[in-house]
C-alpha atoms as a PDB file:
ATOM      1  CA  MET A   1     118.104  85.249  92.258  1.00  0.00           C
ATOM      2  CA  LYS A   2     116.757  86.787  89.075  1.00  0.00           C
ATOM      3  CA  TYR A   3     114.449  89.641  88.159  1.00  0.00           C
ATOM      4  CA  VAL A   4     113.638  91.134  84.766  1.00  0.00           C
ATOM      5  CA  ALA A   5     111.169  93.994  84.438  1.00  0.00           C
ATOM      6  CA  PRO A   6     108.177  93.501  82.115  1.00  0.00           C
ATOM      7  CA  ARG A   7     108.493  94.997  78.653  1.00  0.00           C
ATOM      8  CA  TRP A   8     105.598  97.366  79.269  1.00  0.00           C
ATOM      9  CA  LEU A   9     107.430  99.061  82.142  1.00  0.00           C
ATOM     10  CA  PRO A  10     110.775 100.471  80.928  1.00  0.00           C
ATOM     11  CA  GLY A  11     113.222 102.557  82.949  1.00  0.00           C
ATOM     12  CA  GLY A  12     113.907 103.157  86.610  1.00  0.00           C
ATOM     13  CA  GLN A  13     111.469 106.046  87.031  1.00  0.00           C
ATOM     14  CA  LEU A  14     108.463 104.142  85.677  1.00  0.00           C
ATOM     15  CA  GLN A  15     109.544 101.032  87.563  1.00  0.00           C
ATOM     16  CA  THR A  16     109.427 103.119  90.752  1.00  0.00           C
ATOM     17  CA  ILE A  17     106.227 105.122  90.264  1.00  0.00           C
ATOM     18  CA  TRP A  18     103.870 102.674  88.550  1.00  0.00           C
ATOM     19  CA  PRO A  19     104.195  99.767  91.039  1.00  0.00           C
ATOM     20  CA  ALA A  20     103.662 102.076  94.013  1.00  0.00           C
ATOM     21  CA  LEU A  21     100.485 103.543  92.537  1.00  0.00           C
ATOM     22  CA  TYR A  22      98.856 100.915  90.365  1.00  0.00           C
ATOM     23  CA  SER A  23     100.265  97.383  90.644  1.00  0.00           C
ATOM     24  CA  ARG A  24      98.574  94.734  92.778  1.00  0.00           C
ATOM     25  CA  ARG A  25     100.172  94.316  96.180  1.00  0.00           C
ATOM     26  CA  GLY A  26      99.410  90.650  96.662  1.00  0.00           C
ATOM     27  CA  PHE A  27      97.443  87.646  95.548  1.00  0.00           C
ATOM     28  CA  GLY A  28      94.928  87.577  98.399  1.00  0.00           C
ATOM     29  CA  ALA A  29      92.655  90.036 100.160  1.00  0.00           C
ATOM     30  CA  ARG A  30      94.207  93.190 101.563  1.00  0.00           C
ATOM     31  CA  PRO A  31      96.024  92.309 104.795  1.00  0.00           C
ATOM     32  CA  GLU A  32      94.213  92.985 108.051  1.00  0.00           C
ATOM     33  CA  TYR A  33      96.268  94.091 111.035  1.00  0.00           C
ATOM     34  CA  ARG A  34      96.028  94.066 114.792  1.00  0.00           C
ATOM     35  CA  ARG A  35      97.778  97.049 116.361  1.00  0.00           C
ATOM     36  CA  GLU A  36      99.788  97.120 119.569  1.00  0.00           C
ATOM     37  CA  ARG A  37     101.252 100.217 121.166  1.00  0.00           C
ATOM     38  CA  TRP A  38     104.644  99.684 122.767  1.00  0.00           C
ATOM     39  CA  ASP A  39     106.060 102.086 125.342  1.00  0.00           C
ATOM     40  CA  THR A  40     109.667 102.933 124.570  1.00  0.00           C
ATOM     41  CA  PRO A  41     112.450 103.036 127.177  1.00  0.00           C
ATOM     42  CA  ASP A  42     112.559 106.857 126.923  1.00  0.00           C
ATOM     43  CA  GLY A  43     108.853 107.363 127.676  1.00  0.00           C
ATOM     44  CA  ASP A  44     107.608 107.594 124.107  1.00  0.00           C
ATOM     45  CA  PHE A  45     105.691 105.018 122.048  1.00  0.00           C
ATOM     46  CA  VAL A  46     105.735 103.120 118.774  1.00  0.00           C
ATOM     47  CA  ASP A  47     102.821 101.357 117.103  1.00  0.00           C
ATOM     48  CA  VAL A  48     103.288  97.828 115.758  1.00  0.00           C
ATOM     49  CA  ASP A  49     100.852  96.212 113.326  1.00  0.00           C
ATOM     50  CA  PHE A  50     100.620  92.415 113.362  1.00  0.00           C
ATOM     51  CA  LEU A  51      99.194  90.443 110.473  1.00  0.00           C
ATOM     52  CA  GLN A  52      95.779  89.248 111.602  1.00  0.00           C
ATOM     53  CA  ASP A  53      95.418  85.680 110.384  1.00  0.00           C
ATOM     54  CA  GLY A  54      94.076  83.765 113.360  1.00  0.00           C
ATOM     55  CA  ALA A  55      97.292  81.938 114.309  1.00  0.00           C
ATOM     56  CA  PRO A  56      98.292  81.842 117.997  1.00  0.00           C
ATOM     57  CA  ALA A  57     100.619  84.665 119.051  1.00  0.00           C
ATOM     58  CA  GLY A  58     103.289  82.395 120.547  1.00  0.00           C
ATOM     59  CA  ALA A  59     103.476  79.927 117.682  1.00  0.00           C
ATOM     60  CA  SER A  60     106.836  78.455 116.712  1.00  0.00           C
ATOM     61  CA  ARG A  61     106.347  79.324 113.051  1.00  0.00           C
ATOM     62  CA  PRO A  62     108.687  81.906 111.483  1.00  0.00           C
ATOM     63  CA  LEU A  63     108.170  85.587 112.209  1.00  0.00           C
ATOM     64  CA  LEU A  64     108.873  88.181 109.504  1.00  0.00           C
ATOM     65  CA  VAL A  65     109.473  91.728 110.786  1.00  0.00           C
ATOM     66  CA  VAL A  66     109.265  94.477 108.148  1.00  0.00           C
ATOM     67  CA  PHE A  67     110.733  97.949 108.751  1.00  0.00           C
ATOM     68  CA  HIS A  68     109.324 100.600 106.410  1.00  0.00           C
ATOM     69  CA  GLY A  69     111.056 103.402 104.541  1.00  0.00           C
ATOM     70  CA  LEU A  70     110.959 107.189 104.796  1.00  0.00           C
ATOM     71  CA  GLU A  71     107.401 108.249 105.647  1.00  0.00           C
ATOM     72  CA  GLY A  72     106.169 104.709 105.003  1.00  0.00           C
ATOM     73  CA  SER A  73     103.819 102.564 107.068  1.00  0.00           C
ATOM     74  CA  SER A  74     102.230  99.136 107.269  1.00  0.00           C
ATOM     75  CA  ARG A  75     100.021 100.258 104.369  1.00  0.00           C
ATOM     76  CA  SER A  76     102.862 101.052 101.983  1.00  0.00           C
ATOM     77  CA  HIS A  77     102.736  98.914  98.837  1.00  0.00           C
ATOM     78  CA  TYR A  78     105.846  96.951  99.796  1.00  0.00           C
ATOM     79  CA  SER A  79     104.598  96.405 103.362  1.00  0.00           C
ATOM     80  CA  GLU A  80     101.353  94.896 102.153  1.00  0.00           C
ATOM     81  CA  ALA A  81     103.268  92.754  99.639  1.00  0.00           C
ATOM     82  CA  PHE A  82     105.485  91.335 102.402  1.00  0.00           C
ATOM     83  CA  ALA A  83     102.425  90.768 104.605  1.00  0.00           C
ATOM     84  CA  ASP A  84     100.710  88.952 101.712  1.00  0.00           C
ATOM     85  CA  LEU A  85     103.807  86.765 101.313  1.00  0.00           C
ATOM     86  CA  ALA A  86     103.831  85.946 105.033  1.00  0.00           C
ATOM     87  CA  ARG A  87     100.157  85.027 105.032  1.00  0.00           C
ATOM     88  CA  GLU A  88     100.595  82.771 101.999  1.00  0.00           C
ATOM     89  CA  ARG A  89     103.496  80.931 103.639  1.00  0.00           C
ATOM     90  CA  GLY A  90     101.897  80.655 107.077  1.00  0.00           C
ATOM     91  CA  TRP A  91     104.389  82.995 108.756  1.00  0.00           C
ATOM     92  CA  ALA A  92     103.651  85.502 111.462  1.00  0.00           C
ATOM     93  CA  CYS A  93     104.331  89.064 110.330  1.00  0.00           C
ATOM     94  CA  ALA A  94     104.922  92.271 112.281  1.00  0.00           C
ATOM     95  CA  LEU A  95     105.238  95.758 110.838  1.00  0.00           C
ATOM     96  CA  PRO A  96     106.563  98.259 113.386  1.00  0.00           C
ATOM     97  CA  HIS A  97     106.212 101.968 112.673  1.00  0.00           C
ATOM     98  CA  PHE A  98     109.024 104.381 113.254  1.00  0.00           C
ATOM     99  CA  ARG A  99     108.052 107.206 115.573  1.00  0.00           C
ATOM    100  CA  GLY A 100     105.411 109.480 114.095  1.00  0.00           C
ATOM    101  CA  CYS A 101     104.619 107.222 111.127  1.00  0.00           C
ATOM    102  CA  SER A 102     101.566 105.367 112.446  1.00  0.00           C
ATOM    103  CA  GLY A 103      99.082 108.208 112.011  1.00  0.00           C
ATOM    104  CA  GLU A 104      99.732 109.865 115.367  1.00  0.00           C
ATOM    105  CA  ILE A 105     102.624 112.138 116.250  1.00  0.00           C
ATOM    106  CA  ASN A 106     104.920 110.708 118.900  1.00  0.00           C
ATOM    107  CA  ARG A 107     105.523 112.417 122.235  1.00  0.00           C
ATOM    108  CA  ALA A 108     109.293 112.844 122.476  1.00  0.00           C
ATOM    109  CA  PRO A 109     111.323 115.655 120.875  1.00  0.00           C
ATOM    110  CA  ARG A 110     112.989 113.118 118.587  1.00  0.00           C
ATOM    111  CA  ALA A 111     111.509 111.454 115.495  1.00  0.00           C
ATOM    112  CA  TYR A 112     113.318 108.794 113.427  1.00  0.00           C
ATOM    113  CA  HIS A 113     116.238 108.685 111.012  1.00  0.00           C
ATOM    114  CA  SER A 114     118.263 106.489 108.664  1.00  0.00           C
ATOM    115  CA  GLY A 115     120.778 105.441 111.301  1.00  0.00           C
ATOM    116  CA  ASP A 116     118.252 104.606 114.015  1.00  0.00           C
ATOM    117  CA  HIS A 117     119.913 101.290 114.880  1.00  0.00           C
ATOM    118  CA  THR A 118     119.248 101.555 118.626  1.00  0.00           C
ATOM    119  CA  GLU A 119     115.502 101.659 117.966  1.00  0.00           C
ATOM    120  CA  ILE A 120     115.791  98.702 115.589  1.00  0.00           C
ATOM    121  CA  GLY A 121     117.708  96.720 118.193  1.00  0.00           C
ATOM    122  CA  TRP A 122     115.192  97.418 120.955  1.00  0.00           C
ATOM    123  CA  MET A 123     112.300  96.330 118.732  1.00  0.00           C
ATOM    124  CA  LEU A 124     114.000  93.127 117.591  1.00  0.00           C
ATOM    125  CA  GLN A 125     114.884  92.173 121.157  1.00  0.00           C
ATOM    126  CA  ARG A 126     111.247  92.550 122.116  1.00  0.00           C
ATOM    127  CA  PHE A 127     110.071  90.489 119.147  1.00  0.00           C
ATOM    128  CA  ARG A 128     112.581  87.748 119.953  1.00  0.00           C
ATOM    129  CA  ALA A 129     111.535  87.619 123.597  1.00  0.00           C
ATOM    130  CA  SER A 130     107.922  86.916 122.664  1.00  0.00           C
ATOM    131  CA  HIS A 131     108.418  84.600 119.689  1.00  0.00           C
ATOM    132  CA  ALA A 132     109.658  81.024 119.787  1.00  0.00           C
ATOM    133  CA  GLY A 133     110.294  80.395 116.092  1.00  0.00           C
ATOM    134  CA  PRO A 134     112.844  81.706 113.579  1.00  0.00           C
ATOM    135  CA  LEU A 135     112.909  85.488 113.278  1.00  0.00           C
ATOM    136  CA  MET A 136     113.653  87.193 109.975  1.00  0.00           C
ATOM    137  CA  ALA A 137     113.791  90.951 109.400  1.00  0.00           C
ATOM    138  CA  ALA A 138     113.502  92.968 106.201  1.00  0.00           C
ATOM    139  CA  GLY A 139     114.062  96.702 105.984  1.00  0.00           C
ATOM    140  CA  VAL A 140     113.014  98.810 103.022  1.00  0.00           C
ATOM    141  CA  SER A 141     114.931 101.919 101.941  1.00  0.00           C
ATOM    142  CA  LEU A 142     115.575 103.964 105.136  1.00  0.00           C
ATOM    143  CA  GLY A 143     114.498 100.987 107.253  1.00  0.00           C
ATOM    144  CA  GLY A 144     117.002  98.754 105.490  1.00  0.00           C
ATOM    145  CA  ASN A 145     119.911 101.094 106.108  1.00  0.00           C
ATOM    146  CA  ALA A 146     119.003 101.288 109.802  1.00  0.00           C
ATOM    147  CA  LEU A 147     118.650  97.495 109.958  1.00  0.00           C
ATOM    148  CA  LEU A 148     122.096  96.955 108.435  1.00  0.00           C
ATOM    149  CA  ARG A 149     123.573  99.532 110.799  1.00  0.00           C
ATOM    150  CA  TRP A 150     122.101  97.605 113.724  1.00  0.00           C
ATOM    151  CA  ALA A 151     123.512  94.300 112.490  1.00  0.00           C
ATOM    152  CA  ALA A 152     126.944  95.859 112.025  1.00  0.00           C
ATOM    153  CA  GLU A 153     126.938  97.756 115.327  1.00  0.00           C
ATOM    154  CA  VAL A 154     126.143  94.721 117.485  1.00  0.00           C
ATOM    155  CA  GLY A 155     128.202  92.163 115.542  1.00  0.00           C
ATOM    156  CA  THR A 156     127.834  88.605 116.829  1.00  0.00           C
ATOM    157  CA  ASP A 157     125.153  89.711 119.297  1.00  0.00           C
ATOM    158  CA  ALA A 158     122.791  90.246 116.375  1.00  0.00           C
ATOM    159  CA  ALA A 159     122.133  86.499 116.334  1.00  0.00           C
ATOM    160  CA  ARG A 160     120.430  86.834 119.721  1.00  0.00           C
ATOM    161  CA  SER A 161     117.648  88.862 118.076  1.00  0.00           C
ATOM    162  CA  ALA A 162     117.440  87.786 114.420  1.00  0.00           C
ATOM    163  CA  ASP A 163     118.402  84.794 112.319  1.00  0.00           C
ATOM    164  CA  ALA A 164     118.727  86.676 109.019  1.00  0.00           C
ATOM    165  CA  VAL A 165     118.148  90.196 107.686  1.00  0.00           C
ATOM    166  CA  ALA A 166     117.576  91.811 104.309  1.00  0.00           C
ATOM    167  CA  ALA A 167     117.779  95.430 103.159  1.00  0.00           C
ATOM    168  CA  VAL A 168     115.777  96.360 100.058  1.00  0.00           C
ATOM    169  CA  CYS A 169     116.658  99.400  97.930  1.00  0.00           C
ATOM    170  CA  SER A 170     118.460 101.020 100.833  1.00  0.00           C
ATOM    171  CA  PRO A 171     120.674 104.098 100.338  1.00  0.00           C
ATOM    172  CA  VAL A 172     123.613 102.616 102.225  1.00  0.00           C
ATOM    173  CA  ASP A 173     125.630 105.638 101.081  1.00  0.00           C
ATOM    174  CA  LEU A 174     123.312 108.367 102.353  1.00  0.00           C
ATOM    175  CA  ALA A 175     125.242 111.228 100.799  1.00  0.00           C
ATOM    176  CA  ALA A 176     125.015 109.694  97.323  1.00  0.00           C
ATOM    177  CA  GLY A 177     121.314 108.997  97.767  1.00  0.00           C
ATOM    178  CA  GLY A 178     120.601 112.384  99.314  1.00  0.00           C
ATOM    179  CA  HIS A 179     122.246 114.264  96.465  1.00  0.00           C
ATOM    180  CA  ALA A 180     120.537 112.066  93.848  1.00  0.00           C
ATOM    181  CA  ILE A 181     117.036 112.710  95.185  1.00  0.00           C
ATOM    182  CA  GLY A 182     117.729 116.445  95.276  1.00  0.00           C
ATOM    183  CA  ARG A 183     118.414 116.807  91.542  1.00  0.00           C
ATOM    184  CA  GLY A 184     116.346 117.130  88.362  1.00  0.00           C
ATOM    185  CA  PHE A 185     113.214 115.008  87.999  1.00  0.00           C
ATOM    186  CA  ASN A 186     113.802 113.428  91.399  1.00  0.00           C
ATOM    187  CA  ARG A 187     113.688 116.846  93.056  1.00  0.00           C
ATOM    188  CA  GLN A 188     110.475 117.811  91.293  1.00  0.00           C
ATOM    189  CA  ILE A 189     108.626 114.574  92.123  1.00  0.00           C
ATOM    190  CA  TYR A 190     110.069 112.655  95.078  1.00  0.00           C
ATOM    191  CA  THR A 191     111.545 115.531  97.075  1.00  0.00           C
ATOM    192  CA  ARG A 192     108.266 117.429  96.903  1.00  0.00           C
ATOM    193  CA  MET A 193     106.346 114.305  97.904  1.00  0.00           C
ATOM    194  CA  PHE A 194     108.481 113.725 100.986  1.00  0.00           C
ATOM    195  CA  MET A 195     108.530 117.388 101.988  1.00  0.00           C
ATOM    196  CA  ARG A 196     104.724 117.575 101.875  1.00  0.00           C
ATOM    197  CA  SER A 197     104.691 114.986 104.646  1.00  0.00           C
ATOM    198  CA  LEU A 198     107.841 115.773 106.612  1.00  0.00           C
ATOM    199  CA  VAL A 199     107.388 119.516 107.075  1.00  0.00           C
ATOM    200  CA  PRO A 200     103.873 119.425 108.635  1.00  0.00           C
ATOM    201  CA  LYS A 201     104.992 116.670 111.012  1.00  0.00           C
ATOM    202  CA  ALA A 202     108.032 118.707 112.011  1.00  0.00           C
ATOM    203  CA  LEU A 203     105.760 121.673 112.717  1.00  0.00           C
ATOM    204  CA  GLN A 204     103.602 119.455 114.929  1.00  0.00           C
ATOM    205  CA  LYS A 205     106.759 118.506 116.765  1.00  0.00           C
ATOM    206  CA  LEU A 206     107.622 122.177 117.232  1.00  0.00           C
ATOM    207  CA  ALA A 207     104.152 122.842 118.649  1.00  0.00           C
ATOM    208  CA  GLN A 208     104.766 120.048 121.175  1.00  0.00           C
ATOM    209  CA  HIS A 209     108.227 121.335 122.070  1.00  0.00           C
ATOM    210  CA  PRO A 210     108.522 125.105 121.481  1.00  0.00           C
ATOM    211  CA  GLY A 211     112.017 126.240 120.553  1.00  0.00           C
ATOM    212  CA  LEU A 212     113.070 122.793 119.343  1.00  0.00           C
ATOM    213  CA  PHE A 213     114.383 124.169 116.032  1.00  0.00           C
ATOM    214  CA  ASP A 214     114.266 127.278 113.831  1.00  0.00           C
ATOM    215  CA  LYS A 215     110.777 127.438 112.315  1.00  0.00           C
ATOM    216  CA  GLU A 216     111.705 129.964 109.627  1.00  0.00           C
ATOM    217  CA  ALA A 217     114.657 127.854 108.501  1.00  0.00           C
ATOM    218  CA  LEU A 218     112.380 124.834 108.244  1.00  0.00           C
ATOM    219  CA  LEU A 219     109.794 126.711 106.189  1.00  0.00           C
ATOM    220  CA  ALA A 220     112.581 127.872 103.873  1.00  0.00           C
ATOM    221  CA  ALA A 221     113.810 124.296 103.296  1.00  0.00           C
ATOM    222  CA  ARG A 222     113.161 123.068  99.758  1.00  0.00           C
ATOM    223  CA  ASP A 223     114.921 119.715  99.790  1.00  0.00           C
ATOM    224  CA  LEU A 224     115.908 116.890 102.112  1.00  0.00           C
ATOM    225  CA  TYR A 225     119.413 118.276 102.561  1.00  0.00           C
ATOM    226  CA  ALA A 226     118.014 121.481 104.056  1.00  0.00           C
ATOM    227  CA  PHE A 227     115.349 119.617 106.047  1.00  0.00           C
ATOM    228  CA  ASP A 228     117.922 117.279 107.565  1.00  0.00           C
ATOM    229  CA  ASN A 229     120.132 120.256 108.412  1.00  0.00           C
ATOM    230  CA  VAL A 230     117.343 121.975 110.375  1.00  0.00           C
ATOM    231  CA  PHE A 231     115.475 119.006 111.812  1.00  0.00           C
ATOM    232  CA  THR A 232     116.791 115.455 111.426  1.00  0.00           C
ATOM    233  CA  ALA A 233     120.470 116.008 112.179  1.00  0.00           C
ATOM    234  CA  PRO A 234     120.337 118.249 115.282  1.00  0.00           C
ATOM    235  CA  LEU A 235     117.404 116.382 116.860  1.00  0.00           C
ATOM    236  CA  HIS A 236     119.242 113.076 116.679  1.00  0.00           C
ATOM    237  CA  GLY A 237     122.748 113.995 117.764  1.00  0.00           C
ATOM    238  CA  TYR A 238     124.413 114.972 114.491  1.00  0.00           C
ATOM    239  CA  LYS A 239     126.165 118.279 113.798  1.00  0.00           C
ATOM    240  CA  ASN A 240     124.616 118.868 110.386  1.00  0.00           C
ATOM    241  CA  THR A 241     123.448 117.055 107.255  1.00  0.00           C
ATOM    242  CA  GLU A 242     126.949 116.041 106.169  1.00  0.00           C
ATOM    243  CA  ASP A 243     127.693 114.579 109.580  1.00  0.00           C
ATOM    244  CA  TYR A 244     124.349 112.742 109.606  1.00  0.00           C
ATOM    245  CA  TRP A 245     124.726 111.294 106.110  1.00  0.00           C
ATOM    246  CA  LEU A 246     128.302 110.209 106.852  1.00  0.00           C
ATOM    247  CA  ARG A 247     127.809 108.657 110.282  1.00  0.00           C
ATOM    248  CA  ALA A 248     124.418 107.060 109.649  1.00  0.00           C
ATOM    249  CA  SER A 249     125.378 105.273 106.413  1.00  0.00           C
ATOM    250  CA  ALA A 250     125.605 101.490 106.570  1.00  0.00           C
ATOM    251  CA  LYS A 251     128.034 101.026 103.677  1.00  0.00           C
ATOM    252  CA  PRO A 252     131.286 101.592 105.632  1.00  0.00           C
ATOM    253  CA  LEU A 253     130.249  98.951 108.202  1.00  0.00           C
ATOM    254  CA  LEU A 254     129.076  96.107 105.960  1.00  0.00           C
ATOM    255  CA  ARG A 255     132.245  94.133 106.732  1.00  0.00           C
ATOM    256  CA  ASP A 256     131.225  94.026 110.408  1.00  0.00           C
ATOM    257  CA  ILE A 257     127.948  92.128 109.944  1.00  0.00           C
ATOM    258  CA  ARG A 258     128.022  88.664 111.517  1.00  0.00           C
ATOM    259  CA  ILE A 259     124.588  87.243 110.653  1.00  0.00           C
ATOM    260  CA  PRO A 260     123.279  86.374 107.170  1.00  0.00           C
ATOM    261  CA  ALA A 261     122.371  89.647 105.443  1.00  0.00           C
ATOM    262  CA  LEU A 262     121.026  90.258 101.949  1.00  0.00           C
ATOM    263  CA  VAL A 263     121.509  93.704 100.396  1.00  0.00           C
ATOM    264  CA  VAL A 264     119.183  94.268  97.426  1.00  0.00           C
ATOM    265  CA  ASN A 265     119.610  97.255  95.108  1.00  0.00           C
ATOM    266  CA  ALA A 266     118.321  97.690  91.575  1.00  0.00           C
ATOM    267  CA  ARG A 267     120.987  99.312  89.452  1.00  0.00           C
ATOM    268  CA  ASN A 268     118.430 101.659  87.875  1.00  0.00           C
ATOM    269  CA  ASP A 269     117.083 102.929  91.212  1.00  0.00           C
ATOM    270  CA  PRO A 270     116.613 106.706  90.757  1.00  0.00           C
ATOM    271  CA  PHE A 271     117.226 107.273  94.488  1.00  0.00           C
ATOM    272  CA  VAL A 272     120.390 105.189  94.814  1.00  0.00           C
ATOM    273  CA  PRO A 273     123.098 105.703  92.150  1.00  0.00           C
ATOM    274  CA  ALA A 274     124.588 102.445  90.899  1.00  0.00           C
ATOM    275  CA  SER A 275     128.053 103.963  91.345  1.00  0.00           C
ATOM    276  CA  SER A 276     127.430 104.199  95.100  1.00  0.00           C
ATOM    277  CA  LEU A 277     126.509 100.536  95.598  1.00  0.00           C
ATOM    278  CA  PRO A 278     128.880  98.298  97.576  1.00  0.00           C
ATOM    279  CA  GLY A 279     131.079  95.825  95.750  1.00  0.00           C
ATOM    280  CA  VAL A 280     131.911  92.316  96.903  1.00  0.00           C
ATOM    281  CA  ASN A 281     135.249  93.566  98.214  1.00  0.00           C
ATOM    282  CA  GLU A 282     133.458  96.035 100.514  1.00  0.00           C
ATOM    283  CA  VAL A 283     131.342  93.550 102.454  1.00  0.00           C
ATOM    284  CA  GLY A 284     132.013  90.733 104.895  1.00  0.00           C
ATOM    285  CA  PRO A 285     131.429  87.011 104.297  1.00  0.00           C
ATOM    286  CA  CYS A 286     127.953  87.105 105.869  1.00  0.00           C
ATOM    287  CA  VAL A 287     126.671  89.657 103.360  1.00  0.00           C
ATOM    288  CA  THR A 288     125.110  88.680 100.024  1.00  0.00           C
ATOM    289  CA  LEU A 289     124.716  91.378  97.374  1.00  0.00           C
ATOM    290  CA  TRP A 290     121.929  91.216  94.794  1.00  0.00           C
ATOM    291  CA  GLN A 291     122.018  94.059  92.291  1.00  0.00           C
ATOM    292  CA  PRO A 292     119.661  93.355  89.374  1.00  0.00           C
ATOM    293  CA  ALA A 293     119.646  95.702  86.392  1.00  0.00           C
ATOM    294  CA  HIS A 294     115.948  96.514  86.799  1.00  0.00           C
ATOM    295  CA  GLY A 295     113.461  97.205  89.562  1.00  0.00           C
ATOM    296  CA  GLY A 296     113.578 100.936  90.266  1.00  0.00           C
ATOM    297  CA  HIS A 297     113.143 102.015  93.868  1.00  0.00           C
ATOM    298  CA  VAL A 298     111.098  99.319  95.622  1.00  0.00           C
ATOM    299  CA  GLY A 299     109.211  98.602  92.414  1.00  0.00           C
ATOM    300  CA  PHE A 300     110.026  95.194  90.941  1.00  0.00           C
ATOM    301  CA  ALA A 301     106.689  94.876  89.145  1.00  0.00           C
ATOM    302  CA  LYS A 302     105.943  91.562  87.490  1.00  0.00           C
ATOM    303  CA  GLY A 303     103.269  90.084  85.231  1.00  0.00           C
ATOM    304  CA  ARG A 304     100.777  91.579  82.826  1.00  0.00           C
ATOM    305  CA  LEU A 305      99.545  95.142  83.133  1.00  0.00           C
ATOM    306  CA  PRO A 306      98.996  96.487  85.795  1.00  0.00           C
ATOM    307  CA  GLY A 307     101.408  93.950  87.298  1.00  0.00           C
ATOM    308  CA  HIS A 308     102.011  92.943  90.885  1.00  0.00           C
ATOM    309  CA  VAL A 309     104.765  93.712  93.409  1.00  0.00           C
ATOM    310  CA  ARG A 310     105.226  90.273  94.943  1.00  0.00           C
ATOM    311  CA  ALA A 311     108.322  89.417  92.869  1.00  0.00           C
ATOM    312  CA  MET A 312     110.795  91.088  95.208  1.00  0.00           C
ATOM    313  CA  PRO A 313     109.200  89.893  98.483  1.00  0.00           C
ATOM    314  CA  ASP A 314     109.086  86.346  97.071  1.00  0.00           C
ATOM    315  CA  ILE A 315     112.801  86.341  96.252  1.00  0.00           C
ATOM    316  CA  VAL A 316     113.783  88.025  99.522  1.00  0.00           C
ATOM    317  CA  GLY A 317     111.468  85.720 101.462  1.00  0.00           C
ATOM    318  CA  ASP A 318     113.019  82.616  99.883  1.00  0.00           C
ATOM    319  CA  TRP A 319     116.491  83.829 100.819  1.00  0.00           C
ATOM    320  CA  LEU A 320     115.548  84.772 104.378  1.00  0.00           C
ATOM    321  CA  ALA A 321     113.768  81.478 104.958  1.00  0.00           C
ATOM    322  CA  ALA A 322     116.752  79.460 103.762  1.00  0.00           C
ATOM    323  CA  GLN A 323     119.118  81.387 106.039  1.00  0.00           C
ATOM    324  CA  ALA A 324     116.791  81.413 109.040  1.00  0.00           C
ATOM    325  CA  ASP A 325     116.224  77.655 108.860  1.00  0.00           C
ATOM    326  CA  THR A 326     119.983  77.098 108.881  1.00  0.00           C
ATOM    327  CA  GLU A 327     120.553  79.541 111.734  1.00  0.00           C
ATOM    328  CA  ALA A 328     117.697  78.073 113.788  1.00  0.00           C
ATOM    329  CA  VAL A 329     119.177  74.576 113.454  1.00  0.00           C
ATOM    330  CA  LEU A 330     122.615  75.834 114.501  1.00  0.00           C
ATOM    331  CA  ARG A 331     121.182  77.727 117.466  1.00  0.00           C
ATOM    332  CA  ALA A 332     119.235  74.653 118.638  1.00  0.00           C
ATOM    333  CA  SER A 333     122.348  72.510 118.326  1.00  0.00           C
ATOM    334  CA  GLN A 334     124.442  74.994 120.317  1.00  0.00           C
ATOM    335  CA  SER A 335     121.765  75.096 123.002  1.00  0.00           C
ATOM    336  CA  ARG A 336     121.773  71.293 123.325  1.00  0.00           C
ATOM    337  CA  HIS A 337     125.548  71.160 123.593  1.00  0.00           C
ATOM    338  CA  GLY A 338     126.299  73.956 125.894  1.00  0.00           C
END
């Protein structure tokens, strides 16, 4: 696995911002989706977008499931790049939205968070039940941390739902990532961007469920640390931000993963300090680390100006396909012999 940023795009900040705003997302037409609404076990709903390419729903071809990042969606640049990859390779592709991220606020008092492994597990079980072929899952940023947490939490049972997983640019040490995004340039650009989306949605949630949290404390929040302290942590069973960042992080559990897992982090990611990335001695034998020097946060632009963002999905897709083919063969063999 190799990636080198183009000469015209130096530094982690530019490699993060430019690809998200200006680079091409794929080599074909913009992906078209078919949306399904799934009722959750707790009476809420999530919306799932399926790549619309005319193939039969129950086909035995591979299925790629892509979990988005904080305030992302099926229309995020990386989501469309993965969908473009799937279409090119003849794979089915599904892009589930975390609660409240599909354009409509969800019903329950809860929202979503970086350690939402129970939600990930429920979705993957449902995908597996309706799909006959190999199932691969990729999670980006927040979605990747939650995906790794799921794989670690369920251990060997993960193979019942997925053949291989990949986490891309995920802050597996949430405290390190949370503090990094709250400082300097990151605070001025990325924190403000996220807060412009998160705060109005939290206020919608408060209108649905009066008294859910302290409105004045939320309006006073100026960074993700304060937002998580008022909203994310207490709504999802954590005492405070420190407790949430500690208990939801995937890094301490990477030794417990028992299916093939790829953990991708650019070492110049402005959100995820290189010093916080896991080393080979901190992961189990099923985990592969890929930590290129360049790429920024979910950037990985390639080619001539304005570039494209297919480089990372291509590499991740190659890895997932190789692992899923192996796992599918093993699973078929085990089924025949017992």
